[in-house]
Amino acid sequence: MKSKIAVFIAAFLLWTLIDWPPDWQHLLAGIIVAVITAYVTGDMFAIRFDILNYPKKFAALLNYAVVFIWEMLKANVDVAYRVVHPGLPVSSGIVKVKTSLKSEVAIALLANSVTLASKTLTVDADAVTGYLYIHCMNIEEKDANVSVGKTVERFERILKRFFE
C-alpha cells in the first residue's frame, strides 16, 4: 500500500509540474491519471526507506547517479553532433560483453544504463549466462569489446557495490 501511495504522490507531483500553472480541470485529470498509474504500477515498486542505514550503498547510489548523468550528457552531445555533421564516420556493430552481476534487476539496470549513456542499444541481456548483446553506433577502437567493455565495467563496478 505504501508503494501505491508513493507512486500516486510522485505521479501527481510530476503531472502538476508539467501542467503549471494548474487549474481545477487539469488537477482533476491529474488526480485521475495518478490514481490509475498508482493502481496499475504501484506493486512494481518496493519502497525501501532503510537505504540511509547503509551508507556505503547510499554512496554507491549517489555515485551511480552522478556517473550516469555525466555519461548520458556526453553521449547525447555526441549523437547530436553526429546528426548535425552527417559526414562523420560511423562504424556500427554488435558486441557481446560478459557481466559478473548476478541479480536480474542489476543486469536490467546495467543494460538500460549502457543504452542511455553510451550511444548504444542493448539488444539482449541474458541473465543466465551474464552476456549483454549491445549494438554500437560508433566503435572507436579496433577491438569493439574494449570500447564497449569500458562503459559496461564503469557501471558494473558501481552497481556491484549497490546490489551485492
N, C-alpha and C. Protein backbone atom coordinates (compact mmCIF):
# COMPACT_ATOMS: atom_id res chain seq x y z
N MET A 1 0.82 -1.19 0.00
CA MET A 1 0.00 0.00 0.00
C MET A 1 0.87 1.26 0.00
N LYS A 2 2.00 1.19 0.74
CA LYS A 2 2.89 2.35 0.79
C LYS A 2 3.42 2.69 -0.59
N SER A 3 3.74 1.66 -1.37
CA SER A 3 4.30 1.92 -2.70
C SER A 3 3.25 2.57 -3.61
N LYS A 4 1.98 2.17 -3.47
CA LYS A 4 0.93 2.79 -4.29
C LYS A 4 0.74 4.26 -3.92
N ILE A 5 0.81 4.55 -2.64
CA ILE A 5 0.68 5.95 -2.20
C ILE A 5 1.87 6.77 -2.72
N ALA A 6 3.07 6.19 -2.63
CA ALA A 6 4.25 6.91 -3.12
C ALA A 6 4.18 7.14 -4.62
N VAL A 7 3.70 6.14 -5.38
CA VAL A 7 3.56 6.30 -6.82
C VAL A 7 2.51 7.36 -7.13
N PHE A 8 1.40 7.36 -6.39
CA PHE A 8 0.36 8.37 -6.61
C PHE A 8 0.92 9.77 -6.38
N ILE A 9 1.63 9.96 -5.28
CA ILE A 9 2.19 11.28 -4.96
C ILE A 9 3.19 11.71 -6.03
N ALA A 10 4.07 10.80 -6.42
CA ALA A 10 5.08 11.14 -7.44
C ALA A 10 4.42 11.46 -8.79
N ALA A 11 3.44 10.66 -9.18
CA ALA A 11 2.77 10.89 -10.46
C ALA A 11 1.99 12.20 -10.45
N PHE A 12 1.32 12.48 -9.34
CA PHE A 12 0.55 13.72 -9.26
C PHE A 12 1.45 14.95 -9.24
N LEU A 13 2.56 14.87 -8.50
CA LEU A 13 3.50 16.00 -8.48
C LEU A 13 4.12 16.22 -9.85
N LEU A 14 4.47 15.15 -10.54
CA LEU A 14 5.02 15.29 -11.89
C LEU A 14 3.99 15.90 -12.83
N TRP A 15 2.75 15.44 -12.74
CA TRP A 15 1.67 15.99 -13.56
C TRP A 15 1.51 17.49 -13.30
N THR A 16 1.52 17.86 -12.03
CA THR A 16 1.33 19.27 -11.66
C THR A 16 2.49 20.13 -12.16
N LEU A 17 3.72 19.62 -12.05
CA LEU A 17 4.87 20.38 -12.53
C LEU A 17 4.84 20.55 -14.05
N ILE A 18 4.43 19.51 -14.75
CA ILE A 18 4.37 19.61 -16.21
C ILE A 18 3.27 20.56 -16.65
N ASP A 19 2.16 20.57 -15.91
CA ASP A 19 0.99 21.36 -16.29
C ASP A 19 0.89 22.64 -15.46
N TRP A 20 1.98 23.33 -15.27
CA TRP A 20 1.98 24.54 -14.45
C TRP A 20 1.59 25.74 -15.29
N PRO A 21 0.82 26.70 -14.89
CA PRO A 21 0.07 26.80 -13.64
C PRO A 21 -1.20 25.96 -13.70
N PRO A 22 -1.54 25.33 -12.59
CA PRO A 22 -2.67 24.40 -12.60
C PRO A 22 -4.02 25.12 -12.52
N ASP A 23 -5.03 24.49 -13.09
CA ASP A 23 -6.40 24.91 -12.87
C ASP A 23 -7.18 23.66 -12.45
N TRP A 24 -8.43 23.83 -12.05
CA TRP A 24 -9.14 22.72 -11.43
C TRP A 24 -9.38 21.55 -12.39
N GLN A 25 -9.58 21.81 -13.70
CA GLN A 25 -9.79 20.72 -14.64
C GLN A 25 -8.53 19.86 -14.80
N HIS A 26 -7.40 20.53 -14.89
CA HIS A 26 -6.16 19.79 -15.05
C HIS A 26 -5.77 19.07 -13.76
N LEU A 27 -6.05 19.68 -12.62
CA LEU A 27 -5.77 19.00 -11.35
C LEU A 27 -6.64 17.75 -11.21
N LEU A 28 -7.91 17.84 -11.59
CA LEU A 28 -8.79 16.68 -11.54
C LEU A 28 -8.30 15.59 -12.49
N ALA A 29 -7.90 15.97 -13.69
CA ALA A 29 -7.35 14.99 -14.63
C ALA A 29 -6.06 14.38 -14.07
N GLY A 30 -5.25 15.18 -13.43
CA GLY A 30 -4.02 14.69 -12.82
C GLY A 30 -4.29 13.69 -11.71
N ILE A 31 -5.30 13.95 -10.91
CA ILE A 31 -5.67 13.01 -9.85
C ILE A 31 -6.13 11.68 -10.45
N ILE A 32 -6.95 11.76 -11.49
CA ILE A 32 -7.44 10.53 -12.14
C ILE A 32 -6.29 9.73 -12.74
N VAL A 33 -5.40 10.41 -13.44
CA VAL A 33 -4.25 9.72 -14.05
C VAL A 33 -3.32 9.16 -12.97
N ALA A 34 -3.10 9.90 -11.89
CA ALA A 34 -2.23 9.43 -10.82
C ALA A 34 -2.83 8.21 -10.11
N VAL A 35 -4.15 8.20 -9.92
CA VAL A 35 -4.80 7.05 -9.29
C VAL A 35 -4.66 5.82 -10.18
N ILE A 36 -4.90 5.99 -11.47
CA ILE A 36 -4.78 4.86 -12.40
C ILE A 36 -3.33 4.36 -12.44
N THR A 37 -2.40 5.29 -12.50
CA THR A 37 -0.98 4.91 -12.52
C THR A 37 -0.59 4.17 -11.24
N ALA A 38 -1.03 4.67 -10.11
CA ALA A 38 -0.70 4.03 -8.83
C ALA A 38 -1.35 2.64 -8.74
N TYR A 39 -2.57 2.51 -9.22
CA TYR A 39 -3.26 1.22 -9.16
C TYR A 39 -2.57 0.19 -10.06
N VAL A 40 -2.16 0.61 -11.26
CA VAL A 40 -1.58 -0.32 -12.22
C VAL A 40 -0.13 -0.65 -11.88
N THR A 41 0.65 0.34 -11.50
CA THR A 41 2.09 0.12 -11.32
C THR A 41 2.57 0.17 -9.88
N GLY A 42 1.70 0.42 -8.94
CA GLY A 42 2.13 0.60 -7.56
C GLY A 42 2.82 -0.59 -6.95
N ASP A 43 2.42 -1.81 -7.35
CA ASP A 43 3.04 -3.01 -6.78
C ASP A 43 4.40 -3.32 -7.37
N MET A 44 4.77 -2.62 -8.43
CA MET A 44 6.06 -2.88 -9.08
C MET A 44 7.21 -2.24 -8.33
N PHE A 45 6.92 -1.31 -7.47
CA PHE A 45 7.96 -0.56 -6.77
C PHE A 45 8.03 -0.98 -5.32
N ALA A 46 9.23 -1.25 -4.86
CA ALA A 46 9.44 -1.58 -3.46
C ALA A 46 9.98 -0.33 -2.78
N ILE A 47 9.23 0.20 -1.86
CA ILE A 47 9.67 1.39 -1.14
C ILE A 47 10.56 0.95 0.02
N ARG A 48 11.80 1.34 -0.07
CA ARG A 48 12.76 0.98 0.98
C ARG A 48 13.31 2.25 1.59
N PHE A 49 12.86 2.52 2.80
CA PHE A 49 13.33 3.72 3.48
C PHE A 49 14.58 3.45 4.31
N ASP A 50 15.04 2.20 4.32
CA ASP A 50 16.21 1.86 5.13
C ASP A 50 17.53 2.03 4.38
N ILE A 51 17.50 2.61 3.19
CA ILE A 51 18.72 2.80 2.42
C ILE A 51 19.71 3.70 3.16
N LEU A 52 19.18 4.62 3.97
CA LEU A 52 20.06 5.52 4.72
C LEU A 52 20.80 4.78 5.84
N ASN A 53 20.34 3.58 6.20
CA ASN A 53 21.03 2.79 7.21
C ASN A 53 22.28 2.11 6.64
N TYR A 54 22.44 2.14 5.34
CA TYR A 54 23.58 1.53 4.68
C TYR A 54 24.34 2.62 3.93
N PRO A 55 25.25 3.31 4.61
CA PRO A 55 25.91 4.47 3.98
C PRO A 55 26.74 4.10 2.75
N LYS A 56 27.33 2.91 2.71
CA LYS A 56 28.12 2.53 1.53
C LYS A 56 27.22 2.34 0.32
N LYS A 57 26.06 1.73 0.52
CA LYS A 57 25.13 1.53 -0.59
C LYS A 57 24.54 2.87 -1.04
N PHE A 58 24.27 3.74 -0.09
CA PHE A 58 23.75 5.06 -0.44
C PHE A 58 24.79 5.86 -1.21
N ALA A 59 26.05 5.76 -0.80
CA ALA A 59 27.12 6.45 -1.52
C ALA A 59 27.27 5.87 -2.93
N ALA A 60 27.13 4.55 -3.07
CA ALA A 60 27.22 3.93 -4.38
C ALA A 60 26.06 4.39 -5.27
N LEU A 61 24.88 4.55 -4.68
CA LEU A 61 23.73 5.03 -5.44
C LEU A 61 23.95 6.46 -5.92
N LEU A 62 24.47 7.31 -5.06
CA LEU A 62 24.76 8.69 -5.46
C LEU A 62 25.87 8.73 -6.52
N ASN A 63 26.88 7.90 -6.34
CA ASN A 63 27.96 7.82 -7.32
C ASN A 63 27.41 7.37 -8.67
N TYR A 64 26.53 6.37 -8.66
CA TYR A 64 25.92 5.89 -9.89
C TYR A 64 25.14 7.02 -10.57
N ALA A 65 24.37 7.77 -9.81
CA ALA A 65 23.56 8.85 -10.39
C ALA A 65 24.45 9.90 -11.06
N VAL A 66 25.54 10.27 -10.41
CA VAL A 66 26.44 11.28 -10.97
C VAL A 66 27.12 10.76 -12.24
N VAL A 67 27.64 9.54 -12.18
CA VAL A 67 28.32 8.96 -13.35
C VAL A 67 27.33 8.78 -14.49
N PHE A 68 26.13 8.27 -14.19
CA PHE A 68 25.13 8.04 -15.22
C PHE A 68 24.73 9.34 -15.91
N ILE A 69 24.46 10.38 -15.15
CA ILE A 69 24.04 11.66 -15.73
C ILE A 69 25.17 12.23 -16.59
N TRP A 70 26.40 12.16 -16.12
CA TRP A 70 27.53 12.69 -16.88
C TRP A 70 27.71 11.92 -18.19
N GLU A 71 27.67 10.59 -18.12
CA GLU A 71 27.85 9.78 -19.33
C GLU A 71 26.69 9.99 -20.30
N MET A 72 25.48 10.15 -19.80
CA MET A 72 24.33 10.38 -20.66
C MET A 72 24.44 11.73 -21.36
N LEU A 73 24.88 12.75 -20.65
CA LEU A 73 25.06 14.06 -21.28
C LEU A 73 26.11 14.00 -22.38
N LYS A 74 27.24 13.34 -22.11
CA LYS A 74 28.28 13.21 -23.13
C LYS A 74 27.77 12.47 -24.36
N ALA A 75 27.04 11.39 -24.15
CA ALA A 75 26.53 10.60 -25.28
C ALA A 75 25.52 11.39 -26.09
N ASN A 76 24.65 12.14 -25.41
CA ASN A 76 23.65 12.93 -26.13
C ASN A 76 24.29 14.04 -26.95
N VAL A 77 25.31 14.67 -26.42
CA VAL A 77 26.01 15.71 -27.17
C VAL A 77 26.69 15.10 -28.39
N ASP A 78 27.31 13.93 -28.22
CA ASP A 78 27.99 13.28 -29.34
C ASP A 78 27.01 12.86 -30.43
N VAL A 79 25.86 12.30 -30.04
CA VAL A 79 24.86 11.89 -31.03
C VAL A 79 24.31 13.12 -31.75
N ALA A 80 24.03 14.20 -31.02
CA ALA A 80 23.53 15.43 -31.65
C ALA A 80 24.56 15.99 -32.62
N TYR A 81 25.84 15.93 -32.25
CA TYR A 81 26.90 16.41 -33.13
C TYR A 81 26.95 15.57 -34.41
N ARG A 82 26.79 14.27 -34.29
CA ARG A 82 26.81 13.39 -35.46
C ARG A 82 25.59 13.63 -36.36
N VAL A 83 24.48 13.99 -35.78
CA VAL A 83 23.29 14.29 -36.57
C VAL A 83 23.50 15.59 -37.36
N VAL A 84 24.08 16.58 -36.71
CA VAL A 84 24.32 17.87 -37.36
C VAL A 84 25.42 17.76 -38.41
N HIS A 85 26.39 16.89 -38.19
CA HIS A 85 27.51 16.69 -39.12
C HIS A 85 27.47 15.26 -39.65
N PRO A 86 26.64 15.00 -40.63
CA PRO A 86 26.47 13.62 -41.10
C PRO A 86 27.69 13.03 -41.81
N GLY A 87 28.68 13.83 -42.10
CA GLY A 87 29.88 13.33 -42.77
C GLY A 87 30.83 12.60 -41.83
N LEU A 88 30.58 12.62 -40.54
CA LEU A 88 31.46 11.93 -39.60
C LEU A 88 31.37 10.42 -39.80
N PRO A 89 32.49 9.75 -39.62
CA PRO A 89 32.47 8.29 -39.84
C PRO A 89 31.65 7.57 -38.77
N VAL A 90 30.92 6.57 -39.20
CA VAL A 90 30.14 5.74 -38.30
C VAL A 90 30.46 4.30 -38.62
N SER A 91 30.92 3.56 -37.63
CA SER A 91 31.19 2.14 -37.82
C SER A 91 30.42 1.38 -36.75
N SER A 92 29.25 0.88 -37.12
CA SER A 92 28.39 0.23 -36.15
C SER A 92 28.62 -1.27 -36.14
N GLY A 93 28.14 -1.90 -35.09
CA GLY A 93 28.26 -3.34 -34.96
C GLY A 93 27.66 -3.81 -33.65
N ILE A 94 27.54 -5.12 -33.51
CA ILE A 94 27.01 -5.71 -32.27
C ILE A 94 28.15 -6.37 -31.52
N VAL A 95 28.17 -6.11 -30.22
CA VAL A 95 29.25 -6.59 -29.36
C VAL A 95 28.65 -7.47 -28.28
N LYS A 96 29.35 -8.54 -27.92
CA LYS A 96 28.94 -9.44 -26.84
C LYS A 96 29.85 -9.17 -25.65
N VAL A 97 29.25 -8.74 -24.53
CA VAL A 97 30.02 -8.37 -23.35
C VAL A 97 29.55 -9.20 -22.17
N LYS A 98 30.47 -9.72 -21.40
CA LYS A 98 30.15 -10.52 -20.21
C LYS A 98 30.06 -9.63 -19.00
N THR A 99 29.04 -9.85 -18.18
CA THR A 99 28.90 -9.13 -16.92
C THR A 99 28.97 -10.11 -15.76
N SER A 100 29.49 -9.66 -14.66
CA SER A 100 29.58 -10.52 -13.48
C SER A 100 28.43 -10.29 -12.50
N LEU A 101 27.50 -9.42 -12.85
CA LEU A 101 26.35 -9.18 -11.99
C LEU A 101 25.45 -10.41 -11.99
N LYS A 102 24.84 -10.71 -10.84
CA LYS A 102 24.00 -11.90 -10.71
C LYS A 102 22.52 -11.56 -10.66
N SER A 103 22.17 -10.45 -10.08
CA SER A 103 20.77 -10.07 -9.90
C SER A 103 20.15 -9.65 -11.23
N GLU A 104 18.92 -10.11 -11.49
CA GLU A 104 18.24 -9.72 -12.72
C GLU A 104 17.98 -8.22 -12.75
N VAL A 105 17.68 -7.64 -11.60
CA VAL A 105 17.45 -6.19 -11.53
C VAL A 105 18.73 -5.44 -11.85
N ALA A 106 19.85 -5.90 -11.32
CA ALA A 106 21.13 -5.25 -11.59
C ALA A 106 21.50 -5.36 -13.07
N ILE A 107 21.26 -6.52 -13.67
CA ILE A 107 21.58 -6.70 -15.09
C ILE A 107 20.67 -5.81 -15.95
N ALA A 108 19.39 -5.74 -15.59
CA ALA A 108 18.47 -4.87 -16.34
C ALA A 108 18.87 -3.41 -16.21
N LEU A 109 19.27 -2.99 -15.00
CA LEU A 109 19.71 -1.61 -14.80
C LEU A 109 20.99 -1.34 -15.56
N LEU A 110 21.90 -2.31 -15.59
CA LEU A 110 23.13 -2.15 -16.36
C LEU A 110 22.82 -2.03 -17.85
N ALA A 111 21.94 -2.88 -18.35
CA ALA A 111 21.59 -2.83 -19.78
C ALA A 111 20.96 -1.49 -20.14
N ASN A 112 20.07 -0.99 -19.30
CA ASN A 112 19.44 0.31 -19.58
C ASN A 112 20.44 1.45 -19.45
N SER A 113 21.34 1.36 -18.48
CA SER A 113 22.34 2.40 -18.31
C SER A 113 23.27 2.48 -19.51
N VAL A 114 23.69 1.32 -19.99
CA VAL A 114 24.58 1.30 -21.16
C VAL A 114 23.85 1.86 -22.37
N THR A 115 22.58 1.52 -22.52
CA THR A 115 21.80 2.02 -23.65
C THR A 115 21.65 3.53 -23.61
N LEU A 116 21.36 4.08 -22.46
CA LEU A 116 21.09 5.51 -22.36
C LEU A 116 22.35 6.37 -22.30
N ALA A 117 23.48 5.77 -21.93
CA ALA A 117 24.64 6.60 -21.66
C ALA A 117 25.84 6.35 -22.55
N SER A 118 25.67 5.63 -23.65
CA SER A 118 26.89 5.39 -24.41
C SER A 118 26.68 5.20 -25.91
N LYS A 119 25.70 5.83 -26.49
CA LYS A 119 25.48 5.75 -27.94
C LYS A 119 25.30 4.32 -28.40
N THR A 120 24.68 3.50 -27.57
CA THR A 120 24.49 2.09 -27.89
C THR A 120 23.04 1.71 -27.64
N LEU A 121 22.72 0.48 -27.99
CA LEU A 121 21.40 -0.08 -27.73
C LEU A 121 21.61 -1.52 -27.29
N THR A 122 21.18 -1.84 -26.09
CA THR A 122 21.29 -3.21 -25.61
C THR A 122 20.21 -4.03 -26.29
N VAL A 123 20.63 -4.95 -27.13
CA VAL A 123 19.71 -5.76 -27.91
C VAL A 123 19.16 -6.91 -27.08
N ASP A 124 20.01 -7.53 -26.26
CA ASP A 124 19.60 -8.66 -25.44
C ASP A 124 20.45 -8.70 -24.19
N ALA A 125 19.82 -9.09 -23.09
CA ALA A 125 20.52 -9.28 -21.84
C ALA A 125 20.15 -10.66 -21.32
N ASP A 126 21.12 -11.56 -21.26
CA ASP A 126 20.88 -12.92 -20.83
C ASP A 126 21.34 -13.06 -19.38
N ALA A 127 20.38 -13.12 -18.46
CA ALA A 127 20.70 -13.18 -17.05
C ALA A 127 21.32 -14.52 -16.66
N VAL A 128 21.02 -15.58 -17.41
CA VAL A 128 21.54 -16.91 -17.08
C VAL A 128 23.05 -16.98 -17.35
N THR A 129 23.45 -16.54 -18.55
CA THR A 129 24.87 -16.60 -18.90
C THR A 129 25.62 -15.34 -18.52
N GLY A 130 24.91 -14.23 -18.30
CA GLY A 130 25.55 -12.98 -17.95
C GLY A 130 26.08 -12.19 -19.13
N TYR A 131 25.58 -12.47 -20.33
CA TYR A 131 26.04 -11.76 -21.51
C TYR A 131 25.06 -10.66 -21.91
N LEU A 132 25.62 -9.54 -22.34
CA LEU A 132 24.85 -8.45 -22.92
C LEU A 132 25.24 -8.36 -24.40
N TYR A 133 24.25 -8.26 -25.25
CA TYR A 133 24.48 -8.06 -26.68
C TYR A 133 24.13 -6.61 -26.97
N ILE A 134 25.14 -5.84 -27.37
CA ILE A 134 25.00 -4.39 -27.47
C ILE A 134 25.32 -3.94 -28.89
N HIS A 135 24.39 -3.19 -29.48
CA HIS A 135 24.62 -2.59 -30.80
C HIS A 135 25.26 -1.22 -30.58
N CYS A 136 26.39 -1.00 -31.19
CA CYS A 136 27.13 0.25 -31.04
C CYS A 136 26.98 1.10 -32.29
N MET A 137 26.74 2.39 -32.09
CA MET A 137 26.64 3.30 -33.22
C MET A 137 28.01 3.57 -33.82
N ASN A 138 29.00 3.71 -32.96
CA ASN A 138 30.34 4.02 -33.44
C ASN A 138 31.35 3.29 -32.57
N ILE A 139 32.01 2.31 -33.13
CA ILE A 139 33.04 1.58 -32.39
C ILE A 139 34.34 2.34 -32.57
N GLU A 140 34.87 2.85 -31.47
CA GLU A 140 36.00 3.77 -31.53
C GLU A 140 37.36 3.08 -31.56
N GLU A 141 37.41 1.84 -31.12
CA GLU A 141 38.69 1.14 -31.11
C GLU A 141 38.59 -0.08 -32.02
N LYS A 142 39.75 -0.64 -32.36
CA LYS A 142 39.74 -1.80 -33.24
C LYS A 142 39.02 -2.98 -32.60
N ASP A 143 39.23 -3.18 -31.32
CA ASP A 143 38.54 -4.25 -30.61
C ASP A 143 37.27 -3.67 -30.00
N ALA A 144 36.14 -4.02 -30.54
CA ALA A 144 34.86 -3.45 -30.10
C ALA A 144 34.56 -3.79 -28.65
N ASN A 145 34.98 -4.98 -28.22
CA ASN A 145 34.73 -5.36 -26.83
C ASN A 145 35.43 -4.45 -25.85
N VAL A 146 36.56 -3.90 -26.25
CA VAL A 146 37.30 -3.00 -25.37
C VAL A 146 36.56 -1.68 -25.21
N SER A 147 36.09 -1.10 -26.31
CA SER A 147 35.42 0.20 -26.22
C SER A 147 34.12 0.12 -25.47
N VAL A 148 33.32 -0.91 -25.73
CA VAL A 148 32.05 -1.06 -25.02
C VAL A 148 32.30 -1.58 -23.61
N GLY A 149 33.27 -2.44 -23.47
CA GLY A 149 33.59 -3.01 -22.17
C GLY A 149 33.96 -1.97 -21.13
N LYS A 150 34.59 -0.89 -21.55
CA LYS A 150 34.94 0.18 -20.62
C LYS A 150 33.69 0.79 -19.99
N THR A 151 32.69 1.05 -20.81
CA THR A 151 31.44 1.62 -20.30
C THR A 151 30.72 0.63 -19.41
N VAL A 152 30.66 -0.62 -19.83
CA VAL A 152 29.99 -1.64 -19.04
C VAL A 152 30.68 -1.80 -17.69
N GLU A 153 32.00 -1.85 -17.69
CA GLU A 153 32.75 -2.01 -16.44
C GLU A 153 32.56 -0.83 -15.51
N ARG A 154 32.47 0.37 -16.05
CA ARG A 154 32.28 1.56 -15.23
C ARG A 154 30.97 1.47 -14.45
N PHE A 155 29.89 1.12 -15.14
CA PHE A 155 28.60 0.99 -14.47
C PHE A 155 28.54 -0.26 -13.61
N GLU A 156 29.13 -1.34 -14.07
CA GLU A 156 29.09 -2.61 -13.36
C GLU A 156 29.76 -2.50 -11.99
N ARG A 157 30.87 -1.80 -11.94
CA ARG A 157 31.60 -1.61 -10.68
C ARG A 157 30.70 -0.93 -9.65
N ILE A 158 30.00 0.10 -10.06
CA ILE A 158 29.14 0.84 -9.13
C ILE A 158 27.93 -0.01 -8.74
N LEU A 159 27.31 -0.65 -9.72
CA LEU A 159 26.11 -1.45 -9.43
C LEU A 159 26.45 -2.65 -8.54
N LYS A 160 27.65 -3.18 -8.68
CA LYS A 160 28.05 -4.31 -7.83
C LYS A 160 28.14 -3.86 -6.37
N ARG A 161 28.63 -2.66 -6.13
CA ARG A 161 28.69 -2.14 -4.76
C ARG A 161 27.30 -1.93 -4.17
N PHE A 162 26.34 -1.60 -5.04
CA PHE A 162 24.99 -1.35 -4.55
C PHE A 162 24.19 -2.64 -4.36
N PHE A 163 24.27 -3.56 -5.31
CA PHE A 163 23.42 -4.76 -5.27
C PHE A 163 24.03 -5.93 -4.54
N GLU A 164 25.33 -5.95 -4.35
CA GLU A 164 25.94 -7.13 -3.71
C GLU A 164 26.65 -6.78 -2.44
